[in-house]
Amino acid sequence: MTRANIFALVLLALSPLITPAALAAQSYDNCTGYITVLPAIISTQGTWCLKQDLATANATGAAITINTNNVTIDCNDFKLGGLAAGLGTSTFGIYAQDRFNATVRRCNIRGFYVGLVFAGSSGGGHAVEDNRFDTNTRIGMLVQGDGSVIRRNRVTDTGQSTVFSNAIGIATEFSVDIVNNTVSGVTATTSTGGNAYGISSDFNDNGRIAGNGVRGLVQDGAGVAYGIYNTNSDRITMRENDVVGVGASSVGLTCSSANGTALDNMISHFATAIDTCSNSSGNTVIP
């Protein structure tokens, strides 16, 4: 018997034991219900799924509002779109206020004023993971609430709102981990003197900012391009991030106090590589 025949027999014998990888949008076994029209309000705990692309032209409000705790939105890689409202939109893609344990995964959220907003200091424990945020006009996502995590997301082509001048890829408040995300293309509104922020973190004393990539920052006029910017975050730690700037009027990593730490980051083409962080070592700075 040839080697090829032996290999074929082995595969045949093992075939009942091999489970094929599930493709996105093919299994809905864990879904509590489905989101089929916009705007939608979720008032029941559980996992709510998309089975198709959804879009809205509404210029205010939210496409999906989470109105209770312990809700997961699983888009199964389908699109949640707001592009039809234009650059003057004020609409949020997914919104929750003072909720706990909201999760959004596998969504393509595009064309909103802010792609996702988890707001409120009395909520937290959120997870935003494995999503794509594309062409949102002010902020890709804004997550507030202790114990939250933002991981493995792609945030591309954020900015150019006619409502607000600054543009931010990822924004957080309170203790939020921001891990292994890619932010590419953040552009302040033209003729406004606005700033461009790859990642902006506020009141983040206990969170981690690690393993992120930031590039394609475009400030306007006298504005500043910031790779990773922290305010009111005394002991923030930034580790193993890769940030690429635009030369003049740009800052790579910003700490809000000398207690901030920047370790083993790659910082390229910023006028100021590291600002205020005194606990810095192992960083590679490329002019």
Protein backbone atom coordinates (compact mmCIF):
# COMPACT_ATOMS: atom_id res chain seq x y z
CA MET A 1 0.00 0.00 0.00
CA THR A 2 1.38 3.40 -0.93
CA ARG A 3 2.06 6.17 1.56
CA ALA A 4 -0.76 8.27 0.00
CA ASN A 5 -3.26 5.44 0.50
CA ILE A 6 -2.20 4.98 4.13
CA PHE A 7 -2.62 8.72 4.77
CA ALA A 8 -6.10 8.66 3.18
CA LEU A 9 -7.17 5.74 5.39
CA VAL A 10 -5.91 7.51 8.52
CA LEU A 11 -7.89 10.66 7.63
CA LEU A 12 -10.99 8.56 7.00
CA ALA A 13 -10.65 6.89 10.38
CA LEU A 14 -10.21 10.20 12.17
CA SER A 15 -12.95 12.07 10.31
CA PRO A 16 -15.66 11.50 12.97
CA LEU A 17 -13.33 13.10 15.53
CA ILE A 18 -12.54 16.21 13.48
CA THR A 19 -14.92 19.14 13.89
CA PRO A 20 -14.70 21.67 11.04
CA ALA A 21 -14.19 25.31 12.02
CA ALA A 22 -17.50 27.13 12.21
CA LEU A 23 -17.86 29.94 9.70
CA ALA A 24 -19.17 33.33 10.79
CA ALA A 25 -22.90 33.85 10.39
CA GLN A 26 -23.60 30.11 10.14
CA SER A 27 -24.43 29.24 13.75
CA TYR A 28 -27.00 31.02 15.89
CA ASP A 29 -27.33 28.42 18.63
CA ASN A 30 -26.50 30.90 21.40
CA CYS A 31 -28.77 33.70 20.22
CA THR A 32 -31.53 34.89 22.53
CA GLY A 33 -33.05 36.80 19.63
CA TYR A 34 -32.26 38.70 16.46
CA ILE A 35 -31.89 42.34 15.47
CA THR A 36 -33.60 42.73 12.12
CA VAL A 37 -34.59 46.41 11.90
CA LEU A 38 -33.11 49.73 13.04
CA PRO A 39 -33.38 51.50 15.35
CA ALA A 40 -33.51 48.65 17.86
CA ILE A 41 -33.80 48.66 21.66
CA ILE A 42 -32.56 45.63 23.61
CA SER A 43 -34.35 45.23 26.95
CA THR A 44 -33.83 41.49 27.55
CA GLN A 45 -30.58 39.97 28.78
CA GLY A 46 -28.77 37.48 26.57
CA THR A 47 -27.06 37.34 23.17
CA TRP A 48 -28.67 39.29 20.34
CA CYS A 49 -27.48 38.50 16.83
CA LEU A 50 -27.45 39.93 13.33
CA LYS A 51 -28.32 37.67 10.40
CA GLN A 52 -27.84 40.30 7.70
CA ASP A 53 -26.34 43.73 7.06
CA LEU A 54 -28.37 46.55 8.63
CA ALA A 55 -28.23 50.27 7.91
CA THR A 56 -29.94 53.50 8.92
CA ALA A 57 -30.01 57.05 7.54
CA ASN A 58 -31.03 58.54 10.90
CA ALA A 59 -28.85 61.54 11.81
CA THR A 60 -29.64 61.46 15.55
CA GLY A 61 -30.18 58.88 18.27
CA ALA A 62 -28.69 55.38 18.19
CA ALA A 63 -29.01 52.47 15.80
CA ILE A 64 -28.99 49.95 18.67
CA THR A 65 -29.64 50.87 22.31
CA ILE A 66 -28.84 48.42 25.11
CA ASN A 67 -31.34 49.03 27.89
CA THR A 68 -30.38 46.33 30.41
CA ASN A 69 -27.34 44.56 31.88
CA ASN A 70 -25.62 41.39 30.65
CA VAL A 71 -26.26 41.84 26.95
CA THR A 72 -24.07 40.60 24.10
CA ILE A 73 -24.42 41.94 20.56
CA ASP A 74 -22.95 39.42 18.10
CA CYS A 75 -23.02 40.68 14.53
CA ASN A 76 -21.58 37.51 13.02
CA ASP A 77 -19.37 39.75 10.84
CA PHE A 78 -22.36 41.55 9.35
CA LYS A 79 -22.42 45.33 8.92
CA LEU A 80 -24.13 47.96 11.06
CA GLY A 81 -24.10 51.03 8.83
CA GLY A 82 -24.87 54.74 9.18
CA LEU A 83 -23.08 56.20 6.17
CA ALA A 84 -26.28 57.51 4.59
CA ALA A 85 -26.57 60.21 7.30
CA GLY A 86 -23.37 61.88 6.04
CA LEU A 87 -20.55 63.72 7.81
CA GLY A 88 -23.04 65.80 9.82
CA THR A 89 -24.46 62.78 11.63
CA SER A 90 -24.82 62.74 15.43
CA THR A 91 -25.95 59.11 15.56
CA PHE A 92 -24.31 56.42 17.71
CA GLY A 93 -23.98 52.93 16.29
CA ILE A 94 -24.43 50.96 19.55
CA TYR A 95 -25.26 52.79 22.79
CA ALA A 96 -25.61 51.87 26.47
CA GLN A 97 -25.82 54.16 29.52
CA ASP A 98 -24.82 53.01 33.03
CA ARG A 99 -25.08 49.31 32.19
CA PHE A 100 -22.97 46.36 33.31
CA ASN A 101 -21.35 43.60 31.29
CA ALA A 102 -22.24 44.69 27.79
CA THR A 103 -20.31 42.87 25.06
CA VAL A 104 -20.03 43.66 21.36
CA ARG A 105 -18.23 41.27 19.06
CA ARG A 106 -17.72 40.52 15.36
CA CYS A 107 -19.41 43.70 14.15
CA ASN A 108 -18.51 45.95 11.23
CA ILE A 109 -19.69 49.35 12.51
CA ARG A 110 -19.34 52.18 10.03
CA GLY A 111 -20.47 55.70 9.25
CA PHE A 112 -21.67 56.87 12.68
CA TYR A 113 -20.69 59.91 14.76
CA VAL A 114 -19.38 57.44 17.33
CA GLY A 115 -19.40 53.78 16.39
CA LEU A 116 -20.00 52.52 19.91
CA VAL A 117 -20.71 54.29 23.21
CA PHE A 118 -20.73 52.54 26.59
CA ALA A 119 -21.31 55.57 28.80
CA GLY A 120 -21.55 56.21 32.52
CA SER A 121 -19.31 55.94 35.56
CA SER A 122 -21.79 53.71 37.41
CA GLY A 123 -21.56 50.91 34.82
CA GLY A 124 -18.66 48.75 33.69
CA GLY A 125 -17.33 45.28 33.00
CA HIS A 126 -17.78 45.71 29.25
CA ALA A 127 -15.99 43.89 26.42
CA VAL A 128 -15.51 45.17 22.87
CA GLU A 129 -13.70 42.51 20.89
CA ASP A 130 -12.95 41.39 17.34
CA ASN A 131 -14.84 44.21 15.63
CA ARG A 132 -14.12 46.56 12.76
CA PHE A 133 -14.92 50.27 13.17
CA ASP A 134 -14.75 51.99 9.80
CA THR A 135 -15.34 55.60 8.63
CA ASN A 136 -16.97 56.80 11.85
CA THR A 137 -16.87 60.57 11.85
CA ARG A 138 -15.72 61.54 15.36
CA ILE A 139 -14.75 58.52 17.49
CA GLY A 140 -14.44 54.88 16.58
CA MET A 141 -15.53 53.76 20.04
CA LEU A 142 -15.95 55.31 23.50
CA VAL A 143 -15.94 52.96 26.50
CA GLN A 144 -16.46 54.16 30.07
CA GLY A 145 -16.59 51.92 33.14
CA ASP A 146 -14.13 50.11 35.41
CA GLY A 147 -13.17 46.56 34.54
CA SER A 148 -13.82 46.94 30.81
CA VAL A 149 -11.63 45.61 28.01
CA ILE A 150 -11.14 46.61 24.36
CA ARG A 151 -9.23 43.97 22.41
CA ARG A 152 -8.42 42.82 18.89
CA ASN A 153 -10.41 45.51 17.10
CA ARG A 154 -9.56 47.31 13.85
CA VAL A 155 -10.39 51.00 13.81
CA THR A 156 -9.91 52.63 10.41
CA ASP A 157 -10.53 55.98 8.72
CA THR A 158 -12.03 57.89 11.66
CA GLY A 159 -12.83 61.61 11.46
CA GLN A 160 -13.97 64.51 9.26
CA SER A 161 -17.15 65.18 11.25
CA THR A 162 -18.80 68.52 10.47
CA VAL A 163 -20.15 68.51 14.05
CA PHE A 164 -16.83 68.31 15.95
CA SER A 165 -13.25 69.06 14.99
CA ASN A 166 -11.13 66.50 16.89
CA ALA A 167 -11.03 62.84 15.86
CA ILE A 168 -10.24 59.84 18.09
CA GLY A 169 -9.78 56.20 17.16
CA ILE A 170 -10.34 54.67 20.62
CA ALA A 171 -11.46 56.69 23.66
CA THR A 172 -11.88 55.40 27.23
CA GLU A 173 -12.64 56.68 30.71
CA PHE A 174 -11.87 54.89 33.98
CA SER A 175 -9.95 51.63 34.36
CA VAL A 176 -10.13 50.02 30.92
CA ASP A 177 -7.67 47.62 29.32
CA ILE A 178 -6.87 48.51 25.69
CA VAL A 179 -5.06 45.53 24.22
CA ASN A 180 -3.96 44.36 20.75
CA ASN A 181 -6.00 46.78 18.66
CA THR A 182 -5.07 48.40 15.34
CA VAL A 183 -5.90 52.08 14.77
CA SER A 184 -5.23 53.25 11.23
CA GLY A 185 -6.25 56.63 9.84
CA VAL A 186 -7.52 59.30 12.25
CA THR A 187 -8.16 62.67 10.58
CA ALA A 188 -9.25 65.92 12.22
CA THR A 189 -11.87 67.96 10.40
CA THR A 190 -10.40 70.19 7.72
CA SER A 191 -10.01 73.93 8.48
CA THR A 192 -10.77 73.54 12.20
CA GLY A 193 -7.30 73.29 13.80
CA GLY A 194 -8.41 69.98 15.32
CA ASN A 195 -6.33 67.27 16.98
CA ALA A 196 -6.04 63.63 15.97
CA TYR A 197 -5.76 60.96 18.70
CA GLY A 198 -5.02 57.32 18.02
CA ILE A 199 -5.93 56.21 21.55
CA SER A 200 -7.15 58.57 24.28
CA SER A 201 -7.51 57.40 27.88
CA ASP A 202 -8.90 59.39 30.83
CA PHE A 203 -8.96 58.50 34.57
CA ASN A 204 -7.27 55.21 33.72
CA ASP A 205 -5.12 54.50 36.79
CA ASN A 206 -5.47 50.71 36.73
CA GLY A 207 -5.87 49.82 33.06
CA ARG A 208 -3.28 48.56 30.58
CA ILE A 209 -2.53 49.93 27.14
CA ALA A 210 -0.54 47.17 25.48
CA GLY A 211 0.22 45.66 22.11
CA ASN A 212 -1.63 48.25 20.04
CA GLY A 213 -0.67 49.63 16.64
CA VAL A 214 -1.39 53.28 15.76
CA ARG A 215 -0.66 54.96 12.43
CA GLY A 216 -2.07 57.42 9.92
CA LEU A 217 -2.74 60.38 12.25
CA VAL A 218 -3.63 63.66 10.54
CA GLN A 219 -4.15 66.79 12.62
CA ASP A 220 -5.37 70.03 11.04
CA GLY A 221 -3.62 73.42 11.07
CA ALA A 222 -2.28 74.19 14.55
CA GLY A 223 -3.67 70.91 15.92
CA VAL A 224 -1.55 68.08 17.33
CA ALA A 225 -1.37 64.41 16.42
CA TYR A 226 -1.17 62.13 19.48
CA GLY A 227 -0.36 58.43 19.24
CA ILE A 228 -1.51 57.41 22.75
CA TYR A 229 -2.72 60.21 25.02
CA ASN A 230 -3.53 59.90 28.73
CA THR A 231 -5.14 62.44 31.05
CA ASN A 232 -5.96 62.08 34.77
CA SER A 233 -4.26 58.66 34.68
CA ASP A 234 -1.57 58.80 37.34
CA ARG A 235 -0.04 55.32 37.11
CA ILE A 236 -0.93 54.28 33.61
CA THR A 237 1.23 51.60 31.96
CA MET A 238 1.88 51.60 28.20
CA ARG A 239 3.77 48.54 26.99
CA GLU A 240 4.81 47.11 23.61
CA ASN A 241 2.77 49.50 21.49
CA ASP A 242 3.84 50.47 17.97
CA VAL A 243 2.97 54.08 17.11
CA VAL A 244 3.85 55.95 13.91
CA GLY A 245 3.52 59.74 13.70
CA VAL A 246 3.64 62.59 11.24
CA GLY A 247 6.74 64.51 12.25
CA ALA A 248 5.98 68.09 13.29
CA SER A 249 3.26 68.87 15.88
CA SER A 250 2.99 65.30 17.12
CA VAL A 251 3.53 63.36 20.36
CA GLY A 252 3.97 59.60 20.52
CA LEU A 253 3.11 58.63 24.13
CA THR A 254 1.71 61.04 26.70
CA CYS A 255 1.46 60.43 30.45
CA SER A 256 -0.54 62.72 32.71
CA SER A 257 2.04 62.50 35.55
CA ALA A 258 5.59 61.40 36.18
CA ASN A 259 4.22 58.17 37.69
CA GLY A 260 3.22 56.97 34.22
CA THR A 261 5.18 54.09 32.68
CA ALA A 262 6.21 53.47 29.08
CA LEU A 263 8.05 50.19 28.46
CA ASP A 264 9.29 48.48 25.30
CA ASN A 265 7.29 50.60 22.85
CA MET A 266 8.22 51.33 19.22
CA ILE A 267 7.81 55.07 18.60
CA SER A 268 8.46 56.38 15.11
CA HIS A 269 8.38 59.83 13.47
CA PHE A 270 6.98 61.99 16.28
CA ALA A 271 8.29 65.45 17.17
CA THR A 272 8.13 64.38 20.84
CA ALA A 273 8.43 60.64 21.40
CA ILE A 274 7.49 60.45 25.11
CA ASP A 275 5.94 63.24 27.16
CA THR A 276 5.90 63.35 31.00
CA CYS A 277 6.33 59.58 31.61
CA SER A 278 9.37 59.22 33.89
CA ASN A 279 9.29 55.44 34.22
CA SER A 280 10.47 54.68 30.70
CA SER A 281 12.82 51.96 29.49
CA GLY A 282 13.32 49.63 26.58
CA ASN A 283 11.60 51.96 24.12
CA THR A 284 12.82 52.23 20.53
CA VAL A 285 12.56 55.77 19.18
CA ILE A 286 12.95 56.33 15.44
CA PRO A 287 13.12 59.99 14.31
